Amino acid sequence: MTIVIGFEGSANKIGIGIIRDGEVLSNPRRTYITPPGQGFLPSDTARHHRAFILTVLKEALEQAGLKPADIDCVAYTKGPGMGAPLVTVALVARTVAQLWGKPLLGVNHCIGHIEMGRLITKANNPTVLYVSGGNTQVIAYSERRYRIFGETIDIAVGNCLDRFARVIKISNDPSPGYNIEQMAKKGSQYVELPYTVKGMDVSFSGILSYIEDAAHKMLSSGQCTAEDLCFSLQETLFSMLVEITERAMAHCGSQEVLIVGGVGCNLRLQEMMGVMCKERGAKLFATDERFCIDNGAMIAQAGWEMFRSGQVTELEDSWITQRYRTDEVEVTWRD
C-alpha cells in the first residue's frame, strides 16, 4: 500500500491531506477570511498559512492514525497560485520530506483537482470544467496530457464573483461565492448583462466592469435588489460556462462532464450543467465542498498517481511557480 501526504496552500486555504490507495484518511484545512469588501493579499495569506500549517499537519497525522514513518511520499502544490503562500507551503513540505527521509513531489494544482474529482466520482474519461477563484478552463485528456480546449482570456469566474461581492459588501465567511449563491436564490428579476463567449474561450472582465458600474445606480434607484444582481450575474456567467463545456463535449464525442474547483460546488451551476447533460444523454459528475474547494487530499491523490508511475521531484527542482499550465504536465499514470 502506498501512503502519500499532500500539502496545499496556493490561495487562501491551507490544507493537508493523506491518501492511502484511493482512500482519504484525513483532510483538515483552515481558511483565511478577510472583512467584507476586502480581498486577500499574498503576504497576509502567507502569514496565515505559517501560523496554522503545523497545527493542520498534526491534525492530519492524528486523524489518519499514522506516524511519519508510515508515509511513503510528501507531495506539495508547485503551482499555479499566489507566490508567497506557495513558497510558505513548499518550504514546510521540503523540510518535512528531509526530516522524515521521504521522496518529494511537486504537483500541479489543477491536476490535483482533476484527479480528486476522478477518484471521488469514479468518472472514467470526462470533459472537465475547472472553475475556481484563479482558474477557468475546459479540459479533456488526450495522449498523456490534459488538453485545454477553452479558458478565460482575462479573469477567472470565481474572481469575478468575489470582486462583485466586494462591491456590494457581501461577507467573505465562509466564502463570497457561497453567499452570492444563497442571495441569488431570493432574486426574481433578471438584469441583462454582457454575455461574452469567443469561440471556446470566455471573458469575464467586461461583465464585472459593467455590473460594478451599474450596481450602485440600480440599487440606489430601486430598479432592482442586491439579490436580483446576484441571480443575474450567476445565470449569465454559468450559461457561458455551460456553452463552452457543451462545445468541448461535442468536439471530443464525450458523454461525461466533471466539474471541479471551488466554484464547482455551486448547486445552481451543477443544476444548469445537469440540464445540458440530460439533453445530450450525458452524465454529470460533481463533488461537494469537502473536495471541490482547495484541500490537501487532492494534492496527495495526484501525488499518489505520479509517485506510483515512478515520478519524484529532486530537492534542487522543488521550486514553485505562479504560472503552471495544466497541459505542461506529462500524465504518465493514464493510458
C-alpha atoms as a PDB file:
ATOM      1  CA  MET A   1       0.000   0.000   0.000  1.00  0.00           C
ATOM      2  CA  THR A   2       1.211   3.498  -0.859  1.00  0.00           C
ATOM      3  CA  ILE A   3       0.509   6.376   1.533  1.00  0.00           C
ATOM      4  CA  VAL A   4       1.007   9.973   0.341  1.00  0.00           C
ATOM      5  CA  ILE A   5       0.635  13.209   2.320  1.00  0.00           C
ATOM      6  CA  GLY A   6      -0.308  16.320   0.349  1.00  0.00           C
ATOM      7  CA  PHE A   7       0.281  19.992   1.233  1.00  0.00           C
ATOM      8  CA  GLU A   8      -1.953  22.638  -0.425  1.00  0.00           C
ATOM      9  CA  GLY A   9      -1.714  26.390   0.103  1.00  0.00           C
ATOM     10  CA  SER A  10      -1.855  28.140  -3.270  1.00  0.00           C
ATOM     11  CA  ALA A  11      -4.566  30.624  -2.236  1.00  0.00           C
ATOM     12  CA  ASN A  12      -6.462  31.368   0.993  1.00  0.00           C
ATOM     13  CA  LYS A  13      -6.828  27.746   2.178  1.00  0.00           C
ATOM     14  CA  ILE A  14      -4.125  25.797   3.972  1.00  0.00           C
ATOM     15  CA  GLY A  15      -4.889  22.080   3.775  1.00  0.00           C
ATOM     16  CA  ILE A  16      -3.032  18.838   4.420  1.00  0.00           C
ATOM     17  CA  GLY A  17      -4.492  15.504   3.359  1.00  0.00           C
ATOM     18  CA  ILE A  18      -3.402  11.877   3.491  1.00  0.00           C
ATOM     19  CA  ILE A  19      -4.373   9.285   0.846  1.00  0.00           C
ATOM     20  CA  ARG A  20      -3.834   5.523   1.037  1.00  0.00           C
ATOM     21  CA  ASP A  21      -4.558   3.764  -2.262  1.00  0.00           C
ATOM     22  CA  GLY A  22      -7.595   5.875  -3.140  1.00  0.00           C
ATOM     23  CA  GLU A  23      -8.873   6.183   0.430  1.00  0.00           C
ATOM     24  CA  VAL A  24      -8.959   9.621   2.096  1.00  0.00           C
ATOM     25  CA  LEU A  25      -7.560   9.077   5.599  1.00  0.00           C
ATOM     26  CA  SER A  26      -7.618  12.730   6.684  1.00  0.00           C
ATOM     27  CA  ASN A  27      -8.136  16.134   5.092  1.00  0.00           C
ATOM     28  CA  PRO A  28      -8.107  19.053   7.593  1.00  0.00           C
ATOM     29  CA  ARG A  29      -7.837  22.671   6.411  1.00  0.00           C
ATOM     30  CA  ARG A  30      -8.073  26.302   7.539  1.00  0.00           C
ATOM     31  CA  THR A  31      -9.338  29.308   5.561  1.00  0.00           C
ATOM     32  CA  TYR A  32      -8.012  32.864   5.689  1.00  0.00           C
ATOM     33  CA  ILE A  33     -11.115  35.084   5.776  1.00  0.00           C
ATOM     34  CA  THR A  34     -10.906  38.865   5.304  1.00  0.00           C
ATOM     35  CA  PRO A  35     -13.531  41.516   6.245  1.00  0.00           C
ATOM     36  CA  PRO A  36     -16.372  42.318   3.767  1.00  0.00           C
ATOM     37  CA  GLY A  37     -15.209  44.493   0.883  1.00  0.00           C
ATOM     38  CA  GLN A  38     -11.634  43.176   1.006  1.00  0.00           C
ATOM     39  CA  GLY A  39      -9.723  40.502  -0.880  1.00  0.00           C
ATOM     40  CA  PHE A  40      -6.745  38.533   0.476  1.00  0.00           C
ATOM     41  CA  LEU A  41      -3.213  39.805  -0.113  1.00  0.00           C
ATOM     42  CA  PRO A  42      -0.330  37.344  -0.739  1.00  0.00           C
ATOM     43  CA  SER A  43       1.780  38.450   2.264  1.00  0.00           C
ATOM     44  CA  ASP A  44      -1.155  38.298   4.724  1.00  0.00           C
ATOM     45  CA  THR A  45      -2.269  34.929   3.325  1.00  0.00           C
ATOM     46  CA  ALA A  46       1.268  33.524   3.703  1.00  0.00           C
ATOM     47  CA  ARG A  47       1.340  34.784   7.321  1.00  0.00           C
ATOM     48  CA  HIS A  48      -1.944  32.945   7.966  1.00  0.00           C
ATOM     49  CA  HIS A  49      -0.544  29.729   6.462  1.00  0.00           C
ATOM     50  CA  ARG A  50       2.625  29.979   8.564  1.00  0.00           C
ATOM     51  CA  ALA A  51       0.515  30.353  11.710  1.00  0.00           C
ATOM     52  CA  PHE A  52      -1.611  27.250  11.048  1.00  0.00           C
ATOM     53  CA  ILE A  53       0.378  24.800   8.910  1.00  0.00           C
ATOM     54  CA  LEU A  54       1.990  22.807  11.745  1.00  0.00           C
ATOM     55  CA  THR A  55      -1.345  22.543  13.621  1.00  0.00           C
ATOM     56  CA  VAL A  56      -3.022  21.251  10.451  1.00  0.00           C
ATOM     57  CA  LEU A  57      -0.129  18.790   9.870  1.00  0.00           C
ATOM     58  CA  LYS A  58      -0.551  17.417  13.395  1.00  0.00           C
ATOM     59  CA  GLU A  59      -4.312  17.093  12.850  1.00  0.00           C
ATOM     60  CA  ALA A  60      -3.810  15.260   9.536  1.00  0.00           C
ATOM     61  CA  LEU A  61      -1.497  12.664  11.102  1.00  0.00           C
ATOM     62  CA  GLU A  62      -3.709  12.223  14.195  1.00  0.00           C
ATOM     63  CA  GLN A  63      -6.943  11.847  12.214  1.00  0.00           C
ATOM     64  CA  ALA A  64      -5.285   9.273   9.936  1.00  0.00           C
ATOM     65  CA  GLY A  65      -3.788   7.466  12.945  1.00  0.00           C
ATOM     66  CA  LEU A  66      -0.363   7.487  11.296  1.00  0.00           C
ATOM     67  CA  LYS A  67       3.229   8.314  12.217  1.00  0.00           C
ATOM     68  CA  PRO A  68       5.742   9.987   9.869  1.00  0.00           C
ATOM     69  CA  ALA A  69       7.390   6.597   9.333  1.00  0.00           C
ATOM     70  CA  ASP A  70       4.167   5.322   7.686  1.00  0.00           C
ATOM     71  CA  ILE A  71       4.268   7.977   4.940  1.00  0.00           C
ATOM     72  CA  ASP A  72       5.786   6.935   1.586  1.00  0.00           C
ATOM     73  CA  CYS A  73       5.902  10.293  -0.186  1.00  0.00           C
ATOM     74  CA  VAL A  74       5.418  14.026   0.509  1.00  0.00           C
ATOM     75  CA  ALA A  75       3.507  15.941  -2.200  1.00  0.00           C
ATOM     76  CA  TYR A  76       3.084  19.723  -2.338  1.00  0.00           C
ATOM     77  CA  THR A  77       1.499  22.287  -4.665  1.00  0.00           C
ATOM     78  CA  LYS A  78       4.174  23.527  -7.069  1.00  0.00           C
ATOM     79  CA  GLY A  79       1.758  25.963  -8.745  1.00  0.00           C
ATOM     80  CA  PRO A  80      -0.146  27.776 -10.112  1.00  0.00           C
ATOM     81  CA  GLY A  81      -1.132  30.153  -7.336  1.00  0.00           C
ATOM     82  CA  MET A  82      -0.058  33.123  -5.245  1.00  0.00           C
ATOM     83  CA  GLY A  83       3.712  33.353  -4.777  1.00  0.00           C
ATOM     84  CA  ALA A  84       4.095  33.958  -1.048  1.00  0.00           C
ATOM     85  CA  PRO A  85       1.592  31.284   0.109  1.00  0.00           C
ATOM     86  CA  LEU A  86       3.064  28.737  -2.328  1.00  0.00           C
ATOM     87  CA  VAL A  87       6.593  29.383  -1.009  1.00  0.00           C
ATOM     88  CA  THR A  88       5.440  29.004   2.610  1.00  0.00           C
ATOM     89  CA  VAL A  89       3.879  25.601   1.984  1.00  0.00           C
ATOM     90  CA  ALA A  90       6.675  24.325  -0.283  1.00  0.00           C
ATOM     91  CA  LEU A  91       9.242  25.229   2.374  1.00  0.00           C
ATOM     92  CA  VAL A  92       7.409  23.201   5.044  1.00  0.00           C
ATOM     93  CA  ALA A  93       6.875  20.239   2.681  1.00  0.00           C
ATOM     94  CA  ARG A  94      10.541  20.294   1.677  1.00  0.00           C
ATOM     95  CA  THR A  95      11.647  20.403   5.337  1.00  0.00           C
ATOM     96  CA  VAL A  96       9.276  17.600   6.358  1.00  0.00           C
ATOM     97  CA  ALA A  97      10.463  15.382   3.459  1.00  0.00           C
ATOM     98  CA  GLN A  98      14.076  15.835   4.575  1.00  0.00           C
ATOM     99  CA  LEU A  99      13.331  15.332   8.284  1.00  0.00           C
ATOM    100  CA  TRP A 100      11.347  12.167   7.591  1.00  0.00           C
ATOM    101  CA  GLY A 101      13.681  10.955   4.832  1.00  0.00           C
ATOM    102  CA  LYS A 102      10.885  10.699   2.248  1.00  0.00           C
ATOM    103  CA  PRO A 103      10.768  11.456  -1.502  1.00  0.00           C
ATOM    104  CA  LEU A 104       9.241  14.771  -2.541  1.00  0.00           C
ATOM    105  CA  LEU A 105       6.757  15.503  -5.372  1.00  0.00           C
ATOM    106  CA  GLY A 106       5.731  18.878  -6.819  1.00  0.00           C
ATOM    107  CA  VAL A 107       2.125  18.719  -8.040  1.00  0.00           C
ATOM    108  CA  ASN A 108       0.203  20.908 -10.492  1.00  0.00           C
ATOM    109  CA  HIS A 109      -2.751  22.361  -8.550  1.00  0.00           C
ATOM    110  CA  CYS A 110      -5.184  21.997 -11.481  1.00  0.00           C
ATOM    111  CA  ILE A 111      -4.293  18.333 -11.955  1.00  0.00           C
ATOM    112  CA  GLY A 112      -4.839  17.839  -8.215  1.00  0.00           C
ATOM    113  CA  HIS A 113      -8.440  18.998  -8.689  1.00  0.00           C
ATOM    114  CA  ILE A 114      -8.964  16.734 -11.718  1.00  0.00           C
ATOM    115  CA  GLU A 115      -7.518  13.593 -10.100  1.00  0.00           C
ATOM    116  CA  MET A 116      -9.505  14.165  -6.886  1.00  0.00           C
ATOM    117  CA  GLY A 117     -12.689  14.588  -8.936  1.00  0.00           C
ATOM    118  CA  ARG A 118     -11.982  11.384 -10.861  1.00  0.00           C
ATOM    119  CA  LEU A 119     -11.293   9.474  -7.640  1.00  0.00           C
ATOM    120  CA  ILE A 120     -14.395  10.622  -5.766  1.00  0.00           C
ATOM    121  CA  THR A 121     -16.930  10.476  -8.630  1.00  0.00           C
ATOM    122  CA  LYS A 122     -15.444   7.456 -10.469  1.00  0.00           C
ATOM    123  CA  ALA A 123     -15.824   9.365 -13.770  1.00  0.00           C
ATOM    124  CA  ASN A 124     -13.984   7.451 -16.492  1.00  0.00           C
ATOM    125  CA  ASN A 125     -12.808   9.940 -19.128  1.00  0.00           C
ATOM    126  CA  PRO A 126     -14.805  13.146 -18.620  1.00  0.00           C
ATOM    127  CA  THR A 127     -14.693  16.568 -20.202  1.00  0.00           C
ATOM    128  CA  VAL A 128     -13.602  18.658 -17.206  1.00  0.00           C
ATOM    129  CA  LEU A 129     -14.841  22.126 -16.317  1.00  0.00           C
ATOM    130  CA  TYR A 130     -12.330  23.556 -13.846  1.00  0.00           C
ATOM    131  CA  VAL A 131     -13.738  26.691 -12.199  1.00  0.00           C
ATOM    132  CA  SER A 132     -12.211  28.487  -9.229  1.00  0.00           C
ATOM    133  CA  GLY A 133     -11.051  31.863  -7.934  1.00  0.00           C
ATOM    134  CA  GLY A 134      -7.897  31.722 -10.041  1.00  0.00           C
ATOM    135  CA  ASN A 135      -8.731  29.404 -12.950  1.00  0.00           C
ATOM    136  CA  THR A 136     -11.422  28.796 -15.558  1.00  0.00           C
ATOM    137  CA  GLN A 137     -10.647  26.029 -18.068  1.00  0.00           C
ATOM    138  CA  VAL A 138     -12.423  23.366 -20.125  1.00  0.00           C
ATOM    139  CA  ILE A 139     -10.117  20.345 -20.240  1.00  0.00           C
ATOM    140  CA  ALA A 140     -10.073  16.902 -21.857  1.00  0.00           C
ATOM    141  CA  TYR A 141      -7.454  14.139 -21.662  1.00  0.00           C
ATOM    142  CA  SER A 142      -5.634  13.156 -24.844  1.00  0.00           C
ATOM    143  CA  GLU A 143      -2.275  11.454 -25.440  1.00  0.00           C
ATOM    144  CA  ARG A 144      -0.720  11.841 -21.992  1.00  0.00           C
ATOM    145  CA  ARG A 145      -1.785  15.454 -21.485  1.00  0.00           C
ATOM    146  CA  TYR A 146      -4.778  17.252 -20.035  1.00  0.00           C
ATOM    147  CA  ARG A 147      -5.536  19.439 -23.050  1.00  0.00           C
ATOM    148  CA  ILE A 148      -7.111  22.872 -22.581  1.00  0.00           C
ATOM    149  CA  PHE A 149      -9.976  23.288 -25.053  1.00  0.00           C
ATOM    150  CA  GLY A 150     -11.191  26.648 -23.773  1.00  0.00           C
ATOM    151  CA  GLU A 151     -10.453  29.064 -20.969  1.00  0.00           C
ATOM    152  CA  THR A 152     -10.931  32.582 -19.685  1.00  0.00           C
ATOM    153  CA  ILE A 153      -8.951  35.175 -21.594  1.00  0.00           C
ATOM    154  CA  ASP A 154      -8.844  37.560 -18.616  1.00  0.00           C
ATOM    155  CA  ILE A 155     -10.076  36.838 -15.061  1.00  0.00           C
ATOM    156  CA  ALA A 156     -11.394  33.605 -13.549  1.00  0.00           C
ATOM    157  CA  VAL A 157     -15.105  33.114 -12.892  1.00  0.00           C
ATOM    158  CA  GLY A 158     -14.513  32.869  -9.130  1.00  0.00           C
ATOM    159  CA  ASN A 159     -12.545  36.102  -9.191  1.00  0.00           C
ATOM    160  CA  CYS A 160     -15.439  37.811 -10.991  1.00  0.00           C
ATOM    161  CA  LEU A 161     -17.884  36.628  -8.295  1.00  0.00           C
ATOM    162  CA  ASP A 162     -15.513  37.535  -5.439  1.00  0.00           C
ATOM    163  CA  ARG A 163     -14.925  41.038  -6.770  1.00  0.00           C
ATOM    164  CA  PHE A 164     -18.645  41.642  -7.242  1.00  0.00           C
ATOM    165  CA  ALA A 165     -19.156  40.516  -3.622  1.00  0.00           C
ATOM    166  CA  ARG A 166     -16.673  43.215  -2.565  1.00  0.00           C
ATOM    167  CA  VAL A 167     -18.610  45.897  -4.467  1.00  0.00           C
ATOM    168  CA  ILE A 168     -21.857  45.235  -2.577  1.00  0.00           C
ATOM    169  CA  LYS A 169     -20.014  44.330   0.669  1.00  0.00           C
ATOM    170  CA  ILE A 170     -21.083  40.689   0.918  1.00  0.00           C
ATOM    171  CA  SER A 171     -19.403  38.690   3.712  1.00  0.00           C
ATOM    172  CA  ASN A 172     -16.342  36.550   2.871  1.00  0.00           C
ATOM    173  CA  ASP A 173     -17.391  33.985   5.507  1.00  0.00           C
ATOM    174  CA  PRO A 174     -17.435  31.084   4.606  1.00  0.00           C
ATOM    175  CA  SER A 175     -16.780  32.394   1.066  1.00  0.00           C
ATOM    176  CA  PRO A 176     -18.133  35.221  -1.097  1.00  0.00           C
ATOM    177  CA  GLY A 177     -19.249  32.788  -3.797  1.00  0.00           C
ATOM    178  CA  TYR A 178     -21.326  30.756  -1.332  1.00  0.00           C
ATOM    179  CA  ASN A 179     -23.023  33.907  -0.032  1.00  0.00           C
ATOM    180  CA  ILE A 180     -23.781  35.100  -3.587  1.00  0.00           C
ATOM    181  CA  GLU A 181     -25.309  31.665  -4.285  1.00  0.00           C
ATOM    182  CA  GLN A 182     -27.631  31.978  -1.247  1.00  0.00           C
ATOM    183  CA  MET A 183     -28.653  35.550  -2.138  1.00  0.00           C
ATOM    184  CA  ALA A 184     -29.277  34.543  -5.786  1.00  0.00           C
ATOM    185  CA  LYS A 185     -31.947  32.087  -4.620  1.00  0.00           C
ATOM    186  CA  LYS A 186     -34.004  35.095  -3.437  1.00  0.00           C
ATOM    187  CA  GLY A 187     -33.555  37.041  -6.713  1.00  0.00           C
ATOM    188  CA  SER A 188     -36.537  37.187  -9.057  1.00  0.00           C
ATOM    189  CA  GLN A 189     -35.754  39.887 -11.636  1.00  0.00           C
ATOM    190  CA  TYR A 190     -33.196  39.134 -14.355  1.00  0.00           C
ATOM    191  CA  VAL A 191     -30.966  42.103 -15.193  1.00  0.00           C
ATOM    192  CA  GLU A 192     -29.414  41.775 -18.645  1.00  0.00           C
ATOM    193  CA  LEU A 193     -25.602  41.691 -18.530  1.00  0.00           C
ATOM    194  CA  PRO A 194     -22.933  41.385 -21.263  1.00  0.00           C
ATOM    195  CA  TYR A 195     -22.536  37.771 -22.455  1.00  0.00           C
ATOM    196  CA  THR A 196     -19.037  37.200 -23.809  1.00  0.00           C
ATOM    197  CA  VAL A 197     -18.153  33.857 -25.391  1.00  0.00           C
ATOM    198  CA  LYS A 198     -15.386  33.924 -28.003  1.00  0.00           C
ATOM    199  CA  GLY A 199     -15.288  30.553 -29.703  1.00  0.00           C
ATOM    200  CA  MET A 200     -14.112  28.170 -26.993  1.00  0.00           C
ATOM    201  CA  ASP A 201     -12.998  30.974 -24.671  1.00  0.00           C
ATOM    202  CA  VAL A 202     -14.840  33.251 -22.251  1.00  0.00           C
ATOM    203  CA  SER A 203     -14.249  36.753 -20.928  1.00  0.00           C
ATOM    204  CA  PHE A 204     -15.480  37.962 -17.534  1.00  0.00           C
ATOM    205  CA  SER A 205     -13.786  41.334 -17.050  1.00  0.00           C
ATOM    206  CA  GLY A 206     -16.331  43.257 -19.137  1.00  0.00           C
ATOM    207  CA  ILE A 207     -19.275  41.783 -17.218  1.00  0.00           C
ATOM    208  CA  LEU A 208     -17.555  42.714 -13.952  1.00  0.00           C
ATOM    209  CA  SER A 209     -16.876  46.306 -15.105  1.00  0.00           C
ATOM    210  CA  TYR A 210     -20.487  46.646 -16.246  1.00  0.00           C
ATOM    211  CA  ILE A 211     -22.045  45.317 -13.033  1.00  0.00           C
ATOM    212  CA  GLU A 212     -19.591  47.265 -10.824  1.00  0.00           C
ATOM    213  CA  ASP A 213     -20.624  50.441 -12.609  1.00  0.00           C
ATOM    214  CA  ALA A 214     -24.355  49.657 -12.660  1.00  0.00           C
ATOM    215  CA  ALA A 215     -24.782  48.121  -9.187  1.00  0.00           C
ATOM    216  CA  HIS A 216     -24.870  51.263  -7.045  1.00  0.00           C
ATOM    217  CA  LYS A 217     -27.005  53.204  -9.554  1.00  0.00           C
ATOM    218  CA  MET A 218     -29.558  50.402  -9.837  1.00  0.00           C
ATOM    219  CA  LEU A 219     -29.635  49.651  -6.114  1.00  0.00           C
ATOM    220  CA  SER A 220     -29.923  53.306  -5.037  1.00  0.00           C
ATOM    221  CA  SER A 221     -32.699  53.996  -7.582  1.00  0.00           C
ATOM    222  CA  GLY A 222     -34.614  50.871  -6.538  1.00  0.00           C
ATOM    223  CA  GLN A 223     -34.528  49.349 -10.042  1.00  0.00           C
ATOM    224  CA  CYS A 224     -33.533  46.003  -8.565  1.00  0.00           C
ATOM    225  CA  THR A 225     -32.291  44.372  -5.344  1.00  0.00           C
ATOM    226  CA  ALA A 226     -28.840  43.030  -4.467  1.00  0.00           C
ATOM    227  CA  GLU A 227     -30.408  39.548  -4.684  1.00  0.00           C
ATOM    228  CA  ASP A 228     -31.543  40.257  -8.268  1.00  0.00           C
ATOM    229  CA  LEU A 229     -27.982  41.251  -9.226  1.00  0.00           C
ATOM    230  CA  CYS A 230     -26.528  38.076  -7.640  1.00  0.00           C
ATOM    231  CA  PHE A 231     -29.116  35.979  -9.507  1.00  0.00           C
ATOM    232  CA  SER A 232     -28.458  37.735 -12.834  1.00  0.00           C
ATOM    233  CA  LEU A 233     -24.674  37.504 -12.533  1.00  0.00           C
ATOM    234  CA  GLN A 234     -24.771  33.781 -11.716  1.00  0.00           C
ATOM    235  CA  GLU A 235     -27.185  32.972 -14.550  1.00  0.00           C
ATOM    236  CA  THR A 236     -25.073  34.849 -17.104  1.00  0.00           C
ATOM    237  CA  LEU A 237     -21.676  33.507 -16.019  1.00  0.00           C
ATOM    238  CA  PHE A 238     -22.868  29.928 -15.681  1.00  0.00           C
ATOM    239  CA  SER A 239     -24.660  29.987 -19.067  1.00  0.00           C
ATOM    240  CA  MET A 240     -21.340  30.918 -20.683  1.00  0.00           C
ATOM    241  CA  LEU A 241     -19.590  28.047 -18.912  1.00  0.00           C
ATOM    242  CA  VAL A 242     -22.255  25.514 -19.927  1.00  0.00           C
ATOM    243  CA  GLU A 243     -21.991  26.682 -23.569  1.00  0.00           C
ATOM    244  CA  ILE A 244     -18.233  26.168 -23.883  1.00  0.00           C
ATOM    245  CA  THR A 245     -18.381  22.854 -21.970  1.00  0.00           C
ATOM    246  CA  GLU A 246     -21.028  21.542 -24.361  1.00  0.00           C
ATOM    247  CA  ARG A 247     -18.939  22.625 -27.349  1.00  0.00           C
ATOM    248  CA  ALA A 248     -15.900  20.734 -25.964  1.00  0.00           C
ATOM    249  CA  MET A 249     -18.067  17.645 -25.373  1.00  0.00           C
ATOM    250  CA  ALA A 250     -19.277  17.744 -28.975  1.00  0.00           C
ATOM    251  CA  HIS A 251     -15.702  18.088 -30.231  1.00  0.00           C
ATOM    252  CA  CYS A 252     -14.448  15.148 -28.130  1.00  0.00           C
ATOM    253  CA  GLY A 253     -17.537  12.957 -28.531  1.00  0.00           C
ATOM    254  CA  SER A 254     -17.675  12.855 -24.720  1.00  0.00           C
ATOM    255  CA  GLN A 255     -20.604  11.593 -22.642  1.00  0.00           C
ATOM    256  CA  GLU A 256     -19.293  12.687 -19.230  1.00  0.00           C
ATOM    257  CA  VAL A 257     -18.787  16.080 -17.587  1.00  0.00           C
ATOM    258  CA  LEU A 258     -16.821  16.543 -14.372  1.00  0.00           C
ATOM    259  CA  ILE A 259     -16.973  19.904 -12.570  1.00  0.00           C
ATOM    260  CA  VAL A 260     -14.015  20.649 -10.276  1.00  0.00           C
ATOM    261  CA  GLY A 261     -12.647  23.685  -8.412  1.00  0.00           C
ATOM    262  CA  GLY A 262     -14.156  25.896  -5.720  1.00  0.00           C
ATOM    263  CA  VAL A 263     -16.968  27.315  -7.893  1.00  0.00           C
ATOM    264  CA  GLY A 264     -17.860  23.704  -8.788  1.00  0.00           C
ATOM    265  CA  CYS A 265     -19.743  23.198  -5.515  1.00  0.00           C
ATOM    266  CA  ASN A 266     -22.290  25.850  -6.590  1.00  0.00           C
ATOM    267  CA  LEU A 267     -25.551  23.896  -6.871  1.00  0.00           C
ATOM    268  CA  ARG A 268     -27.012  26.260  -9.478  1.00  0.00           C
ATOM    269  CA  LEU A 269     -24.031  25.641 -11.782  1.00  0.00           C
ATOM    270  CA  GLN A 270     -24.462  21.889 -11.244  1.00  0.00           C
ATOM    271  CA  GLU A 271     -28.192  22.201 -11.999  1.00  0.00           C
ATOM    272  CA  MET A 272     -27.623  24.131 -15.262  1.00  0.00           C
ATOM    273  CA  MET A 273     -24.887  21.716 -16.368  1.00  0.00           C
ATOM    274  CA  GLY A 274     -27.188  18.812 -15.456  1.00  0.00           C
ATOM    275  CA  VAL A 275     -29.914  20.122 -17.802  1.00  0.00           C
ATOM    276  CA  MET A 276     -27.422  20.325 -20.682  1.00  0.00           C
ATOM    277  CA  CYS A 277     -26.106  16.814 -19.943  1.00  0.00           C
ATOM    278  CA  LYS A 278     -29.616  15.381 -19.813  1.00  0.00           C
ATOM    279  CA  GLU A 279     -30.415  16.894 -23.232  1.00  0.00           C
ATOM    280  CA  ARG A 280     -27.275  15.254 -24.661  1.00  0.00           C
ATOM    281  CA  GLY A 281     -27.818  11.926 -22.891  1.00  0.00           C
ATOM    282  CA  ALA A 282     -24.598  12.535 -20.939  1.00  0.00           C
ATOM    283  CA  LYS A 283     -23.703  12.098 -17.263  1.00  0.00           C
ATOM    284  CA  LEU A 284     -22.708  14.871 -14.860  1.00  0.00           C
ATOM    285  CA  PHE A 285     -20.183  14.277 -12.079  1.00  0.00           C
ATOM    286  CA  ALA A 286     -19.512  16.765  -9.274  1.00  0.00           C
ATOM    287  CA  THR A 287     -18.252  16.725  -5.691  1.00  0.00           C
ATOM    288  CA  ASP A 288     -19.242  18.673  -2.584  1.00  0.00           C
ATOM    289  CA  GLU A 289     -17.294  21.376  -0.740  1.00  0.00           C
ATOM    290  CA  ARG A 290     -15.020  18.832   1.025  1.00  0.00           C
ATOM    291  CA  PHE A 291     -13.241  18.073  -2.250  1.00  0.00           C
ATOM    292  CA  CYS A 292     -14.224  20.909  -4.636  1.00  0.00           C
ATOM    293  CA  ILE A 293     -12.627  23.624  -2.532  1.00  0.00           C
ATOM    294  CA  ASP A 294      -8.799  23.576  -2.305  1.00  0.00           C
ATOM    295  CA  ASN A 295      -7.682  20.766   0.012  1.00  0.00           C
ATOM    296  CA  GLY A 296      -4.610  18.701   0.828  1.00  0.00           C
ATOM    297  CA  ALA A 297      -6.086  15.334  -0.185  1.00  0.00           C
ATOM    298  CA  MET A 298      -6.308  16.374  -3.856  1.00  0.00           C
ATOM    299  CA  ILE A 299      -2.567  17.096  -3.884  1.00  0.00           C
ATOM    300  CA  ALA A 300      -1.954  13.778  -2.124  1.00  0.00           C
ATOM    301  CA  GLN A 301      -4.102  11.944  -4.721  1.00  0.00           C
ATOM    302  CA  ALA A 302      -2.323  13.497  -7.733  1.00  0.00           C
ATOM    303  CA  GLY A 303       0.968  12.829  -5.908  1.00  0.00           C
ATOM    304  CA  TRP A 304      -0.073   9.202  -5.343  1.00  0.00           C
ATOM    305  CA  GLU A 305      -0.756   8.751  -9.081  1.00  0.00           C
ATOM    306  CA  MET A 306       2.556  10.414 -10.011  1.00  0.00           C
ATOM    307  CA  PHE A 307       4.585   8.512  -7.397  1.00  0.00           C
ATOM    308  CA  ARG A 308       3.130   5.150  -8.476  1.00  0.00           C
ATOM    309  CA  SER A 309       4.137   5.898 -12.076  1.00  0.00           C
ATOM    310  CA  GLY A 310       7.748   6.489 -10.982  1.00  0.00           C
ATOM    311  CA  GLN A 311       7.911  10.274 -10.653  1.00  0.00           C
ATOM    312  CA  VAL A 312       9.779  12.137  -7.898  1.00  0.00           C
ATOM    313  CA  THR A 313      10.997  15.737  -7.577  1.00  0.00           C
ATOM    314  CA  GLU A 314      14.662  16.228  -6.689  1.00  0.00           C
ATOM    315  CA  LEU A 315      15.370  18.757  -3.945  1.00  0.00           C
ATOM    316  CA  GLU A 316      17.074  21.219  -6.322  1.00  0.00           C
ATOM    317  CA  ASP A 317      13.956  21.105  -8.555  1.00  0.00           C
ATOM    318  CA  SER A 318      11.481  21.635  -5.712  1.00  0.00           C
ATOM    319  CA  TRP A 319      10.732  25.278  -6.512  1.00  0.00           C
ATOM    320  CA  ILE A 320       7.311  26.848  -7.020  1.00  0.00           C
ATOM    321  CA  THR A 321       5.851  28.733  -9.964  1.00  0.00           C
ATOM    322  CA  GLN A 322       2.881  31.094 -10.044  1.00  0.00           C
ATOM    323  CA  ARG A 323       2.181  30.172 -13.657  1.00  0.00           C
ATOM    324  CA  TYR A 324       1.961  26.452 -14.357  1.00  0.00           C
ATOM    325  CA  ARG A 325      -0.288  25.367 -17.219  1.00  0.00           C
ATOM    326  CA  THR A 326      -2.416  22.227 -16.892  1.00  0.00           C
ATOM    327  CA  ASP A 327      -1.126  20.994 -20.273  1.00  0.00           C
ATOM    328  CA  GLU A 328       2.543  21.359 -19.269  1.00  0.00           C
ATOM    329  CA  VAL A 329       2.406  18.159 -17.208  1.00  0.00           C
ATOM    330  CA  GLU A 330       3.018  14.785 -18.835  1.00  0.00           C
ATOM    331  CA  VAL A 331       0.331  12.448 -17.482  1.00  0.00           C
ATOM    332  CA  THR A 332       2.399   9.298 -17.019  1.00  0.00           C
ATOM    333  CA  TRP A 333      -0.264   7.464 -14.971  1.00  0.00           C
ATOM    334  CA  ARG A 334      -3.003   7.264 -17.641  1.00  0.00           C
ATOM    335  CA  ASP A 335      -3.117   5.244 -20.870  1.00  0.00           C
END
